């Protein structure tokens, strides 16, 4: 395994994006969604990035990259079409042991970002380890066709059920069993059919039975 997969909590952390084009736009948008404090260094910005800057959702330094730009940041993404700039960013980051991704240039990175299939709170990462973005794209497409929005709803119901189970069932193993029973039940088919209320009722019927079984066991 060439890369160790990991999800980073970037909420409130300072992140630098070098570049203001379409690729930088995609990267910056994802970072903003993750709650990072994003600064972009670029002479120009795409219109969507300009709007984010006007809204105060990113900070824009309208200039060419200089080494001092990385002071105080936690993570860096370089998304320019200037090889000299990309190499300068990577070198400056390496000297300070900072996380740095140079888009489409794994040799200059100490981390790479996967393609994502997102369904609500579910994120499925797809990576070829930098070997072939085309293969990654195909795998992402096929997963996206298999995993629909019903899985986002399943996650919401399972999370709601889990919170109740923690409150009602003190022991871990019975709690784990009833939560697994719901996830493996016909709930996903009900959600595919648009029957969310029935899926939710199924969750809490299972939970009620588990609570009753636990109470009966304590009486014996």
N, C-alpha and C. Protein backbone atom coordinates (compact mmCIF):
# COMPACT_ATOMS: atom_id res chain seq x y z
N UNK A 1 0.86 -1.20 0.00
CA UNK A 1 0.00 0.00 0.00
C UNK A 1 0.89 1.24 0.00
N UNK A 2 0.84 2.01 -1.06
CA UNK A 2 1.73 3.16 -1.21
C UNK A 2 1.32 4.33 -0.31
N UNK A 3 0.03 4.56 -0.18
CA UNK A 3 -0.45 5.70 0.62
C UNK A 3 -1.34 5.21 1.76
N UNK A 4 -1.23 5.88 2.88
CA UNK A 4 -2.06 5.57 4.04
C UNK A 4 -3.31 6.44 3.99
N UNK A 5 -4.50 5.85 3.86
CA UNK A 5 -5.72 6.66 3.75
C UNK A 5 -6.07 7.30 5.09
N UNK A 6 -6.51 8.55 5.05
CA UNK A 6 -6.83 9.28 6.28
C UNK A 6 -7.80 10.40 5.96
N UNK A 7 -8.67 10.70 6.92
CA UNK A 7 -9.55 11.86 6.81
C UNK A 7 -9.07 12.91 7.81
N UNK A 8 -8.86 14.13 7.35
CA UNK A 8 -8.35 15.20 8.19
C UNK A 8 -9.48 16.11 8.67
N UNK A 9 -9.41 16.50 9.91
CA UNK A 9 -10.33 17.50 10.45
C UNK A 9 -9.69 18.87 10.24
N UNK A 10 -10.18 19.60 9.25
CA UNK A 10 -9.60 20.90 8.91
C UNK A 10 -10.39 22.08 9.48
N UNK A 11 -11.41 21.79 10.25
CA UNK A 11 -12.25 22.87 10.78
C UNK A 11 -11.40 23.86 11.58
N UNK A 12 -11.43 25.12 11.16
CA UNK A 12 -10.71 26.17 11.85
C UNK A 12 -9.22 26.23 11.57
N UNK A 13 -8.72 25.35 10.72
CA UNK A 13 -7.29 25.35 10.42
C UNK A 13 -6.99 26.22 9.19
N UNK A 14 -5.80 26.80 9.20
CA UNK A 14 -5.39 27.68 8.10
C UNK A 14 -4.81 26.85 6.96
N UNK A 15 -5.36 27.06 5.78
CA UNK A 15 -4.94 26.32 4.59
C UNK A 15 -4.63 27.31 3.48
N UNK A 16 -3.56 27.02 2.75
CA UNK A 16 -3.16 27.88 1.64
C UNK A 16 -3.41 27.16 0.32
N UNK A 17 -4.04 27.86 -0.62
CA UNK A 17 -4.19 27.37 -1.99
C UNK A 17 -3.42 28.32 -2.90
N UNK A 18 -2.50 27.78 -3.66
CA UNK A 18 -1.73 28.59 -4.60
C UNK A 18 -2.31 28.36 -5.99
N UNK A 19 -2.82 29.42 -6.59
CA UNK A 19 -3.48 29.32 -7.89
C UNK A 19 -4.92 29.78 -7.79
N UNK A 20 -5.41 30.34 -8.89
CA UNK A 20 -6.77 30.85 -8.87
C UNK A 20 -7.62 30.40 -10.04
N UNK A 21 -7.21 29.31 -10.70
CA UNK A 21 -7.94 28.81 -11.85
C UNK A 21 -9.01 27.81 -11.49
N UNK A 22 -9.48 27.08 -12.49
CA UNK A 22 -10.59 26.15 -12.30
C UNK A 22 -10.25 25.03 -11.33
N UNK A 23 -9.04 24.48 -11.44
CA UNK A 23 -8.65 23.40 -10.53
C UNK A 23 -8.54 23.91 -9.10
N UNK A 24 -7.94 25.07 -8.94
CA UNK A 24 -7.85 25.68 -7.61
C UNK A 24 -9.24 25.95 -7.05
N UNK A 25 -10.15 26.33 -7.91
CA UNK A 25 -11.53 26.59 -7.50
C UNK A 25 -12.15 25.35 -6.86
N UNK A 26 -11.99 24.19 -7.53
CA UNK A 26 -12.53 22.96 -6.98
C UNK A 26 -11.92 22.60 -5.64
N UNK A 27 -10.60 22.74 -5.54
CA UNK A 27 -9.91 22.41 -4.30
C UNK A 27 -10.32 23.35 -3.17
N UNK A 28 -10.36 24.64 -3.48
CA UNK A 28 -10.71 25.63 -2.46
C UNK A 28 -12.14 25.43 -1.97
N UNK A 29 -13.05 25.12 -2.89
CA UNK A 29 -14.45 24.91 -2.50
C UNK A 29 -14.58 23.75 -1.54
N UNK A 30 -13.87 22.65 -1.80
CA UNK A 30 -13.91 21.51 -0.89
C UNK A 30 -13.34 21.87 0.47
N UNK A 31 -12.27 22.63 0.48
CA UNK A 31 -11.65 23.03 1.74
C UNK A 31 -12.57 23.94 2.55
N UNK A 32 -13.26 24.83 1.88
CA UNK A 32 -14.22 25.70 2.56
C UNK A 32 -15.34 24.86 3.17
N UNK A 33 -15.83 23.88 2.41
CA UNK A 33 -16.88 23.01 2.91
C UNK A 33 -16.42 22.22 4.13
N UNK A 34 -15.13 21.92 4.19
CA UNK A 34 -14.57 21.19 5.32
C UNK A 34 -14.33 22.09 6.53
N UNK A 35 -14.60 23.38 6.39
CA UNK A 35 -14.47 24.31 7.52
C UNK A 35 -13.10 24.94 7.68
N UNK A 36 -12.24 24.77 6.68
CA UNK A 36 -10.90 25.35 6.77
C UNK A 36 -10.94 26.86 6.56
N UNK A 37 -9.94 27.56 7.10
CA UNK A 37 -9.75 28.98 6.82
C UNK A 37 -8.81 29.07 5.61
N UNK A 38 -9.38 29.37 4.46
CA UNK A 38 -8.65 29.26 3.20
C UNK A 38 -8.12 30.61 2.74
N UNK A 39 -6.84 30.65 2.44
CA UNK A 39 -6.23 31.80 1.80
C UNK A 39 -5.76 31.37 0.41
N UNK A 40 -6.09 32.18 -0.59
CA UNK A 40 -5.64 31.90 -1.96
C UNK A 40 -4.63 32.96 -2.37
N UNK A 41 -3.52 32.50 -2.92
CA UNK A 41 -2.51 33.40 -3.48
C UNK A 41 -2.52 33.21 -4.98
N UNK A 42 -2.87 34.26 -5.70
CA UNK A 42 -2.92 34.19 -7.16
C UNK A 42 -3.13 35.60 -7.72
N UNK A 43 -2.55 35.90 -8.86
CA UNK A 43 -2.80 37.21 -9.47
C UNK A 43 -4.25 37.38 -9.91
N UNK A 44 -4.91 36.25 -10.28
CA UNK A 44 -6.30 36.31 -10.75
C UNK A 44 -7.11 35.19 -10.11
N UNK A 45 -8.44 35.35 -10.18
CA UNK A 45 -9.34 34.33 -9.65
C UNK A 45 -10.44 34.05 -10.67
N UNK A 46 -10.97 32.83 -10.63
CA UNK A 46 -12.18 32.55 -11.39
C UNK A 46 -13.34 33.32 -10.75
N UNK A 47 -14.42 33.45 -11.48
CA UNK A 47 -15.57 34.18 -10.96
C UNK A 47 -16.13 33.57 -9.69
N UNK A 48 -16.30 32.23 -9.61
CA UNK A 48 -16.78 31.64 -8.35
C UNK A 48 -15.85 31.91 -7.17
N UNK A 49 -14.54 31.89 -7.40
CA UNK A 49 -13.61 32.21 -6.32
C UNK A 49 -13.70 33.68 -5.93
N UNK A 50 -13.90 34.53 -6.91
CA UNK A 50 -14.08 35.96 -6.61
C UNK A 50 -15.30 36.18 -5.73
N UNK A 51 -16.34 35.44 -6.01
CA UNK A 51 -17.54 35.55 -5.19
C UNK A 51 -17.30 35.08 -3.77
N UNK A 52 -16.55 33.98 -3.62
CA UNK A 52 -16.22 33.51 -2.27
C UNK A 52 -15.41 34.56 -1.51
N UNK A 53 -14.49 35.22 -2.22
CA UNK A 53 -13.69 36.26 -1.59
C UNK A 53 -14.56 37.44 -1.17
N UNK A 54 -15.47 37.85 -2.06
CA UNK A 54 -16.37 38.96 -1.74
C UNK A 54 -17.28 38.65 -0.56
N UNK A 55 -17.64 37.37 -0.44
CA UNK A 55 -18.50 36.94 0.67
C UNK A 55 -17.73 36.74 1.97
N UNK A 56 -16.40 36.87 1.90
CA UNK A 56 -15.58 36.68 3.09
C UNK A 56 -15.36 35.24 3.46
N UNK A 57 -15.63 34.33 2.53
CA UNK A 57 -15.48 32.90 2.83
C UNK A 57 -14.06 32.41 2.56
N UNK A 58 -13.31 33.18 1.79
CA UNK A 58 -11.88 32.93 1.60
C UNK A 58 -11.16 34.26 1.66
N UNK A 59 -9.85 34.20 1.89
CA UNK A 59 -9.00 35.40 1.83
C UNK A 59 -8.19 35.32 0.55
N UNK A 60 -8.15 36.40 -0.20
CA UNK A 60 -7.40 36.42 -1.46
C UNK A 60 -6.24 37.40 -1.37
N UNK A 61 -5.03 36.87 -1.57
CA UNK A 61 -3.86 37.74 -1.70
C UNK A 61 -3.53 37.80 -3.19
N UNK A 62 -3.78 38.94 -3.79
CA UNK A 62 -3.62 39.10 -5.23
C UNK A 62 -2.15 39.36 -5.56
N UNK A 63 -1.42 38.25 -5.71
CA UNK A 63 0.02 38.36 -5.95
C UNK A 63 0.56 37.00 -6.37
N UNK A 64 1.81 37.00 -6.76
CA UNK A 64 2.51 35.75 -7.02
C UNK A 64 2.93 35.12 -5.69
N UNK A 65 3.10 33.80 -5.69
CA UNK A 65 3.51 33.09 -4.48
C UNK A 65 4.92 33.51 -4.06
N UNK A 66 5.07 33.74 -2.76
CA UNK A 66 6.39 33.91 -2.15
C UNK A 66 6.46 32.98 -0.95
N UNK A 67 7.66 32.62 -0.58
CA UNK A 67 7.84 31.61 0.46
C UNK A 67 7.17 31.98 1.78
N UNK A 68 7.12 33.24 2.09
CA UNK A 68 6.51 33.66 3.36
C UNK A 68 5.01 33.39 3.41
N UNK A 69 4.38 33.09 2.26
CA UNK A 69 2.94 32.81 2.24
C UNK A 69 2.58 31.58 3.06
N UNK A 70 3.54 30.68 3.25
CA UNK A 70 3.18 29.44 3.95
C UNK A 70 3.34 29.55 5.46
N UNK A 71 3.81 30.69 5.93
CA UNK A 71 3.97 30.85 7.38
C UNK A 71 2.60 30.80 8.06
N UNK A 72 2.51 29.96 9.08
CA UNK A 72 1.29 29.88 9.88
C UNK A 72 0.19 28.99 9.30
N UNK A 73 0.45 28.36 8.15
CA UNK A 73 -0.58 27.48 7.59
C UNK A 73 -0.31 26.04 8.00
N UNK A 74 -1.34 25.21 7.88
CA UNK A 74 -1.27 23.82 8.32
C UNK A 74 -1.17 22.87 7.14
N UNK A 75 -1.73 23.31 6.02
CA UNK A 75 -1.78 22.46 4.83
C UNK A 75 -1.75 23.36 3.60
N UNK A 76 -1.14 22.86 2.52
CA UNK A 76 -0.98 23.65 1.30
C UNK A 76 -1.42 22.84 0.10
N UNK A 77 -2.13 23.50 -0.81
CA UNK A 77 -2.46 22.91 -2.11
C UNK A 77 -1.94 23.84 -3.19
N UNK A 78 -1.11 23.32 -4.07
CA UNK A 78 -0.64 24.12 -5.19
C UNK A 78 -1.34 23.64 -6.45
N UNK A 79 -2.05 24.54 -7.09
CA UNK A 79 -2.87 24.18 -8.26
C UNK A 79 -2.63 25.18 -9.38
N UNK A 80 -1.38 25.33 -9.75
CA UNK A 80 -1.06 26.25 -10.84
C UNK A 80 -0.55 25.46 -12.04
N UNK A 81 -0.47 26.12 -13.20
CA UNK A 81 0.10 25.48 -14.38
C UNK A 81 1.54 25.93 -14.61
N UNK A 82 2.13 26.52 -13.57
CA UNK A 82 3.51 26.98 -13.63
C UNK A 82 4.38 26.01 -12.83
N UNK A 83 5.19 25.21 -13.52
CA UNK A 83 5.98 24.19 -12.86
C UNK A 83 6.95 24.78 -11.85
N UNK A 84 7.53 25.91 -12.16
CA UNK A 84 8.49 26.54 -11.24
C UNK A 84 7.81 26.92 -9.93
N UNK A 85 6.60 27.44 -10.03
CA UNK A 85 5.84 27.81 -8.82
C UNK A 85 5.51 26.56 -8.02
N UNK A 86 5.02 25.53 -8.69
CA UNK A 86 4.68 24.29 -7.99
C UNK A 86 5.88 23.72 -7.26
N UNK A 87 7.03 23.73 -7.90
CA UNK A 87 8.24 23.20 -7.27
C UNK A 87 8.67 24.07 -6.09
N UNK A 88 8.51 25.38 -6.22
CA UNK A 88 8.87 26.28 -5.12
C UNK A 88 7.97 26.06 -3.91
N UNK A 89 6.68 25.85 -4.17
CA UNK A 89 5.73 25.59 -3.08
C UNK A 89 6.10 24.28 -2.39
N UNK A 90 6.33 23.23 -3.16
CA UNK A 90 6.66 21.92 -2.59
C UNK A 90 7.94 21.99 -1.77
N UNK A 91 8.94 22.69 -2.27
CA UNK A 91 10.22 22.79 -1.56
C UNK A 91 10.04 23.54 -0.24
N UNK A 92 9.32 24.65 -0.28
CA UNK A 92 9.11 25.44 0.94
C UNK A 92 8.34 24.64 1.98
N UNK A 93 7.34 23.87 1.53
CA UNK A 93 6.55 23.06 2.45
C UNK A 93 7.40 21.95 3.06
N UNK A 94 8.23 21.30 2.23
CA UNK A 94 9.07 20.21 2.72
C UNK A 94 10.06 20.69 3.78
N UNK A 95 10.59 21.88 3.60
CA UNK A 95 11.55 22.43 4.55
C UNK A 95 10.93 22.67 5.92
N UNK A 96 9.59 22.82 5.95
CA UNK A 96 8.88 23.10 7.20
C UNK A 96 8.03 21.92 7.67
N UNK A 97 8.16 20.78 6.97
CA UNK A 97 7.38 19.58 7.32
C UNK A 97 5.88 19.84 7.31
N UNK A 98 5.42 20.56 6.31
CA UNK A 98 3.99 20.85 6.17
C UNK A 98 3.35 19.90 5.17
N UNK A 99 2.07 19.63 5.36
CA UNK A 99 1.32 18.83 4.41
C UNK A 99 1.17 19.62 3.11
N UNK A 100 1.52 19.00 1.99
CA UNK A 100 1.49 19.71 0.72
C UNK A 100 1.04 18.78 -0.41
N UNK A 101 0.07 19.26 -1.16
CA UNK A 101 -0.38 18.55 -2.35
C UNK A 101 -0.20 19.45 -3.56
N UNK A 102 0.51 18.96 -4.57
CA UNK A 102 0.64 19.65 -5.84
C UNK A 102 -0.20 18.85 -6.83
N UNK A 103 -1.24 19.48 -7.35
CA UNK A 103 -2.24 18.77 -8.13
C UNK A 103 -1.61 18.06 -9.34
N UNK A 104 -1.93 16.76 -9.44
CA UNK A 104 -1.49 15.92 -10.56
C UNK A 104 0.03 15.73 -10.64
N UNK A 105 0.72 15.98 -9.53
CA UNK A 105 2.17 15.75 -9.52
C UNK A 105 2.56 15.02 -8.23
N UNK A 106 2.29 13.72 -8.16
CA UNK A 106 2.56 12.96 -6.93
C UNK A 106 3.99 13.08 -6.43
N UNK A 107 4.95 13.24 -7.34
CA UNK A 107 6.35 13.31 -6.92
C UNK A 107 6.63 14.54 -6.07
N UNK A 108 5.79 15.56 -6.19
CA UNK A 108 5.98 16.79 -5.41
C UNK A 108 5.10 16.82 -4.16
N UNK A 109 4.33 15.76 -3.94
CA UNK A 109 3.36 15.75 -2.83
C UNK A 109 3.86 14.90 -1.67
N UNK A 110 3.41 15.22 -0.46
CA UNK A 110 3.52 14.27 0.63
C UNK A 110 2.15 13.74 1.04
N UNK A 111 1.11 14.17 0.33
CA UNK A 111 -0.20 13.52 0.41
C UNK A 111 -0.92 13.76 -0.91
N UNK A 112 -1.82 12.84 -1.25
CA UNK A 112 -2.64 13.02 -2.44
C UNK A 112 -4.10 12.99 -2.01
N UNK A 113 -4.97 13.57 -2.81
CA UNK A 113 -6.39 13.59 -2.48
C UNK A 113 -7.15 12.63 -3.38
N UNK A 114 -8.08 11.86 -2.82
CA UNK A 114 -8.83 10.91 -3.62
C UNK A 114 -9.99 11.56 -4.34
N UNK A 115 -10.54 10.83 -5.31
CA UNK A 115 -11.84 11.20 -5.86
C UNK A 115 -12.89 10.81 -4.83
N UNK A 116 -13.97 11.56 -4.75
CA UNK A 116 -14.98 11.32 -3.72
C UNK A 116 -16.35 11.04 -4.33
N UNK A 117 -17.02 10.05 -3.75
CA UNK A 117 -18.45 9.85 -3.98
C UNK A 117 -19.12 10.23 -2.67
N UNK A 118 -19.97 11.24 -2.69
CA UNK A 118 -20.58 11.75 -1.46
C UNK A 118 -22.09 11.55 -1.50
N UNK A 119 -22.59 10.95 -0.44
CA UNK A 119 -24.03 10.77 -0.26
C UNK A 119 -24.37 11.20 1.16
N UNK A 120 -24.78 12.45 1.31
CA UNK A 120 -25.02 12.96 2.65
C UNK A 120 -23.74 12.92 3.45
N UNK A 121 -23.80 12.28 4.63
CA UNK A 121 -22.63 12.19 5.48
C UNK A 121 -21.68 11.06 5.10
N UNK A 122 -22.03 10.30 4.07
CA UNK A 122 -21.16 9.21 3.63
C UNK A 122 -20.19 9.73 2.59
N UNK A 123 -18.92 9.41 2.78
CA UNK A 123 -17.89 9.74 1.80
C UNK A 123 -17.16 8.47 1.42
N UNK A 124 -17.11 8.19 0.13
CA UNK A 124 -16.39 7.03 -0.38
C UNK A 124 -15.21 7.54 -1.19
N UNK A 125 -14.02 7.19 -0.76
CA UNK A 125 -12.80 7.68 -1.41
C UNK A 125 -12.30 6.67 -2.43
N UNK A 126 -11.86 7.18 -3.57
CA UNK A 126 -11.31 6.33 -4.62
C UNK A 126 -9.96 6.89 -5.03
N UNK A 127 -8.93 6.05 -5.02
CA UNK A 127 -7.60 6.50 -5.39
C UNK A 127 -6.87 5.40 -6.16
N UNK A 128 -6.10 5.80 -7.14
CA UNK A 128 -5.23 4.87 -7.85
C UNK A 128 -3.78 5.05 -7.41
N UNK A 129 -3.57 5.80 -6.32
CA UNK A 129 -2.21 6.06 -5.84
C UNK A 129 -1.43 6.91 -6.82
N UNK A 130 -2.14 7.71 -7.61
CA UNK A 130 -1.49 8.55 -8.60
C UNK A 130 -1.17 7.82 -9.90
N UNK A 131 -1.55 6.54 -9.99
CA UNK A 131 -1.21 5.75 -11.17
C UNK A 131 -2.01 6.09 -12.41
N UNK A 132 -3.32 6.31 -12.24
CA UNK A 132 -4.16 6.60 -13.40
C UNK A 132 -5.43 7.31 -12.98
N UNK A 133 -5.49 8.62 -13.14
CA UNK A 133 -6.73 9.35 -12.85
C UNK A 133 -7.92 8.84 -13.67
N UNK A 134 -7.66 8.32 -14.86
CA UNK A 134 -8.75 7.81 -15.70
C UNK A 134 -9.41 6.58 -15.07
N UNK A 135 -8.59 5.69 -14.50
CA UNK A 135 -9.15 4.52 -13.81
C UNK A 135 -9.93 4.97 -12.59
N UNK A 136 -9.36 5.91 -11.85
CA UNK A 136 -10.05 6.45 -10.68
C UNK A 136 -11.41 7.01 -11.05
N UNK A 137 -11.45 7.74 -12.15
CA UNK A 137 -12.70 8.35 -12.61
C UNK A 137 -13.75 7.30 -12.93
N UNK A 138 -13.31 6.22 -13.60
CA UNK A 138 -14.26 5.16 -13.94
C UNK A 138 -14.80 4.47 -12.68
N UNK A 139 -13.91 4.14 -11.75
CA UNK A 139 -14.34 3.48 -10.52
C UNK A 139 -15.31 4.38 -9.75
N UNK A 140 -15.00 5.67 -9.70
CA UNK A 140 -15.89 6.62 -9.02
C UNK A 140 -17.27 6.61 -9.67
N UNK A 141 -17.29 6.61 -11.00
CA UNK A 141 -18.58 6.62 -11.71
C UNK A 141 -19.40 5.37 -11.40
N UNK A 142 -18.72 4.22 -11.40
CA UNK A 142 -19.44 2.97 -11.16
C UNK A 142 -19.95 2.89 -9.72
N UNK A 143 -19.16 3.35 -8.77
CA UNK A 143 -19.62 3.37 -7.38
C UNK A 143 -20.82 4.32 -7.25
N UNK A 144 -20.73 5.48 -7.91
CA UNK A 144 -21.82 6.44 -7.86
C UNK A 144 -23.12 5.88 -8.40
N UNK A 145 -23.02 4.99 -9.38
CA UNK A 145 -24.21 4.37 -9.95
C UNK A 145 -24.81 3.32 -9.00
N UNK A 146 -23.97 2.72 -8.17
CA UNK A 146 -24.43 1.69 -7.24
C UNK A 146 -24.98 2.28 -5.94
N UNK A 147 -24.35 3.33 -5.47
CA UNK A 147 -24.68 3.91 -4.17
C UNK A 147 -25.49 5.19 -4.39
N UNK A 148 -26.78 5.12 -4.09
CA UNK A 148 -27.65 6.26 -4.30
C UNK A 148 -27.92 7.04 -3.03
N UNK A 149 -28.85 8.00 -3.13
CA UNK A 149 -29.16 8.86 -1.99
C UNK A 149 -29.84 8.10 -0.85
N UNK A 150 -30.33 6.89 -1.15
CA UNK A 150 -30.96 6.10 -0.08
C UNK A 150 -29.95 5.78 1.02
N UNK A 151 -28.66 5.74 0.67
CA UNK A 151 -27.65 5.46 1.69
C UNK A 151 -27.45 6.66 2.62
N UNK A 152 -27.63 7.84 2.10
CA UNK A 152 -27.58 9.02 2.97
C UNK A 152 -28.71 8.98 3.98
N UNK A 153 -29.90 8.57 3.52
CA UNK A 153 -31.05 8.46 4.43
C UNK A 153 -30.84 7.33 5.43
N UNK A 154 -30.24 6.22 4.96
CA UNK A 154 -29.96 5.11 5.88
C UNK A 154 -29.02 5.57 6.99
N UNK A 155 -28.01 6.34 6.62
CA UNK A 155 -27.08 6.86 7.63
C UNK A 155 -27.80 7.76 8.63
N UNK A 156 -28.68 8.63 8.16
CA UNK A 156 -29.41 9.52 9.06
C UNK A 156 -30.24 8.74 10.06
N UNK A 157 -30.96 7.72 9.57
CA UNK A 157 -31.80 6.91 10.45
C UNK A 157 -30.94 6.09 11.41
N UNK A 158 -29.84 5.53 10.91
CA UNK A 158 -28.96 4.72 11.76
C UNK A 158 -28.34 5.58 12.87
N UNK A 159 -27.97 6.82 12.53
CA UNK A 159 -27.40 7.71 13.53
C UNK A 159 -28.43 8.08 14.60
N UNK A 160 -29.66 8.32 14.14
CA UNK A 160 -30.75 8.62 15.09
C UNK A 160 -30.99 7.43 16.01
N UNK A 161 -31.04 6.24 15.41
CA UNK A 161 -31.27 5.02 16.17
C UNK A 161 -30.13 4.77 17.15
N UNK A 162 -28.90 5.02 16.71
CA UNK A 162 -27.73 4.79 17.56
C UNK A 162 -27.76 5.68 18.80
N UNK A 163 -28.19 6.93 18.61
CA UNK A 163 -28.27 7.83 19.76
C UNK A 163 -29.29 7.32 20.78
N UNK A 164 -30.42 6.81 20.29
CA UNK A 164 -31.43 6.25 21.19
C UNK A 164 -30.94 4.97 21.84
N UNK A 165 -30.24 4.14 21.06
CA UNK A 165 -29.73 2.89 21.60
C UNK A 165 -28.73 3.13 22.73
N UNK A 166 -27.89 4.15 22.57
CA UNK A 166 -26.93 4.48 23.63
C UNK A 166 -27.65 4.89 24.92
N UNK A 167 -28.80 5.53 24.73
CA UNK A 167 -29.56 5.99 25.90
C UNK A 167 -30.29 4.84 26.58
N UNK A 168 -30.77 3.87 25.78
CA UNK A 168 -31.66 2.84 26.31
C UNK A 168 -30.97 1.51 26.62
N UNK A 169 -29.85 1.25 25.94
CA UNK A 169 -29.18 -0.05 26.12
C UNK A 169 -27.75 0.22 26.60
N UNK A 170 -27.47 -0.17 27.81
CA UNK A 170 -26.18 0.16 28.42
C UNK A 170 -25.04 -0.72 27.92
N UNK A 171 -25.34 -1.98 27.60
CA UNK A 171 -24.28 -2.91 27.22
C UNK A 171 -23.95 -2.78 25.74
N UNK A 172 -22.67 -2.86 25.44
CA UNK A 172 -22.21 -2.63 24.07
C UNK A 172 -22.68 -3.69 23.08
N UNK A 173 -22.55 -4.97 23.43
CA UNK A 173 -22.83 -6.04 22.47
C UNK A 173 -24.29 -6.06 22.02
N UNK A 174 -25.27 -5.99 22.93
CA UNK A 174 -26.67 -5.94 22.48
C UNK A 174 -26.96 -4.70 21.63
N UNK A 175 -26.31 -3.60 21.99
CA UNK A 175 -26.50 -2.36 21.22
C UNK A 175 -25.93 -2.53 19.81
N UNK A 176 -24.76 -3.12 19.71
CA UNK A 176 -24.15 -3.36 18.40
C UNK A 176 -25.02 -4.27 17.55
N UNK A 177 -25.60 -5.30 18.17
CA UNK A 177 -26.41 -6.27 17.43
C UNK A 177 -27.66 -5.64 16.85
N UNK A 178 -28.34 -4.82 17.62
CA UNK A 178 -29.58 -4.23 17.11
C UNK A 178 -29.29 -3.20 16.03
N UNK A 179 -28.20 -2.47 16.15
CA UNK A 179 -27.83 -1.50 15.11
C UNK A 179 -27.45 -2.21 13.82
N UNK A 180 -26.71 -3.31 13.94
CA UNK A 180 -26.35 -4.09 12.75
C UNK A 180 -27.59 -4.70 12.11
N UNK A 181 -28.53 -5.15 12.95
CA UNK A 181 -29.75 -5.75 12.42
C UNK A 181 -30.52 -4.74 11.58
N UNK A 182 -30.54 -3.50 11.99
CA UNK A 182 -31.25 -2.48 11.21
C UNK A 182 -30.56 -2.23 9.88
N UNK A 183 -29.25 -2.06 9.92
CA UNK A 183 -28.50 -1.76 8.69
C UNK A 183 -28.62 -2.90 7.69
N UNK A 184 -28.68 -4.16 8.18
CA UNK A 184 -28.77 -5.32 7.30
C UNK A 184 -30.21 -5.71 6.98
N UNK A 185 -31.17 -4.96 7.46
CA UNK A 185 -32.59 -5.28 7.25
C UNK A 185 -33.06 -4.80 5.88
N UNK A 186 -34.37 -4.83 5.70
CA UNK A 186 -34.97 -4.37 4.45
C UNK A 186 -35.07 -2.84 4.39
N UNK A 187 -34.46 -2.16 5.35
CA UNK A 187 -34.57 -0.70 5.40
C UNK A 187 -34.10 -0.05 4.11
N UNK A 188 -33.01 -0.54 3.53
CA UNK A 188 -32.48 0.10 2.32
C UNK A 188 -33.46 -0.04 1.17
N UNK A 189 -34.17 -1.18 1.09
CA UNK A 189 -35.18 -1.34 0.04
C UNK A 189 -36.36 -0.40 0.26
N UNK A 190 -36.75 -0.23 1.51
CA UNK A 190 -37.83 0.70 1.82
C UNK A 190 -37.44 2.13 1.42
N UNK A 191 -36.21 2.50 1.70
CA UNK A 191 -35.76 3.85 1.35
C UNK A 191 -35.68 4.03 -0.17
N UNK A 192 -35.25 3.00 -0.87
CA UNK A 192 -35.22 3.08 -2.34
C UNK A 192 -36.63 3.29 -2.90
N UNK A 193 -37.60 2.74 -2.19
CA UNK A 193 -38.99 2.85 -2.63
C UNK A 193 -39.65 4.14 -2.13
N UNK A 194 -38.87 5.00 -1.46
CA UNK A 194 -39.41 6.26 -0.96
C UNK A 194 -40.20 6.12 0.32
N UNK A 195 -40.03 5.02 1.03
CA UNK A 195 -40.81 4.76 2.25
C UNK A 195 -39.96 5.03 3.49
N UNK A 196 -39.58 6.27 3.65
CA UNK A 196 -38.70 6.63 4.77
C UNK A 196 -39.38 6.41 6.11
N UNK A 197 -40.65 6.77 6.22
CA UNK A 197 -41.35 6.61 7.50
C UNK A 197 -41.40 5.14 7.91
N UNK A 198 -41.60 4.26 6.92
CA UNK A 198 -41.64 2.84 7.23
C UNK A 198 -40.25 2.34 7.66
N UNK A 199 -39.21 2.85 7.03
CA UNK A 199 -37.86 2.48 7.40
C UNK A 199 -37.55 2.95 8.82
N UNK A 200 -37.99 4.14 9.16
CA UNK A 200 -37.76 4.66 10.50
C UNK A 200 -38.53 3.84 11.54
N UNK A 201 -39.75 3.46 11.19
CA UNK A 201 -40.54 2.63 12.10
C UNK A 201 -39.88 1.29 12.33
N UNK A 202 -39.31 0.73 11.27
CA UNK A 202 -38.58 -0.53 11.40
C UNK A 202 -37.43 -0.39 12.38
N UNK A 203 -36.70 0.71 12.28
CA UNK A 203 -35.57 0.94 13.18
C UNK A 203 -36.01 0.92 14.63
N UNK A 204 -37.07 1.62 14.91
CA UNK A 204 -37.46 1.74 16.31
C UNK A 204 -38.27 0.54 16.80
N UNK A 205 -38.85 -0.24 15.89
CA UNK A 205 -39.43 -1.52 16.29
C UNK A 205 -38.33 -2.47 16.73
N UNK A 206 -37.25 -2.52 15.96
CA UNK A 206 -36.11 -3.36 16.34
C UNK A 206 -35.53 -2.93 17.68
N UNK A 207 -35.43 -1.63 17.86
CA UNK A 207 -34.87 -1.10 19.11
C UNK A 207 -35.77 -1.44 20.29
N UNK A 208 -37.07 -1.30 20.10
CA UNK A 208 -38.02 -1.61 21.18
C UNK A 208 -37.93 -3.08 21.58
N UNK A 209 -37.83 -3.96 20.57
CA UNK A 209 -37.72 -5.39 20.87
C UNK A 209 -36.43 -5.69 21.63
N UNK A 210 -35.35 -5.03 21.25
CA UNK A 210 -34.08 -5.25 21.94
C UNK A 210 -34.15 -4.79 23.39
N UNK A 211 -34.80 -3.65 23.62
CA UNK A 211 -34.94 -3.14 24.98
C UNK A 211 -35.79 -4.09 25.82
N UNK A 212 -36.89 -4.59 25.24
CA UNK A 212 -37.74 -5.52 25.96
C UNK A 212 -36.99 -6.81 26.29
N UNK A 213 -36.23 -7.32 25.30
CA UNK A 213 -35.46 -8.54 25.55
C UNK A 213 -34.45 -8.33 26.67
N UNK A 214 -33.83 -7.16 26.70
CA UNK A 214 -32.88 -6.86 27.76
C UNK A 214 -33.53 -6.79 29.12
N UNK A 215 -34.71 -6.18 29.17
CA UNK A 215 -35.43 -6.07 30.45
C UNK A 215 -35.87 -7.45 30.97
N UNK A 216 -36.33 -8.30 30.01
CA UNK A 216 -36.74 -9.64 30.41
C UNK A 216 -35.55 -10.46 30.91
N UNK A 217 -34.40 -10.26 30.27
CA UNK A 217 -33.20 -10.97 30.69
C UNK A 217 -32.76 -10.58 32.10
N UNK A 218 -32.96 -9.31 32.44
CA UNK A 218 -32.57 -8.84 33.77
C UNK A 218 -33.47 -9.41 34.84
N UNK A 219 -34.73 -9.72 34.49
CA UNK A 219 -35.68 -10.25 35.46
C UNK A 219 -35.42 -11.72 35.77
N UNK A 220 -34.79 -12.41 34.85
CA UNK A 220 -34.57 -13.85 35.02
C UNK A 220 -33.44 -14.14 36.02
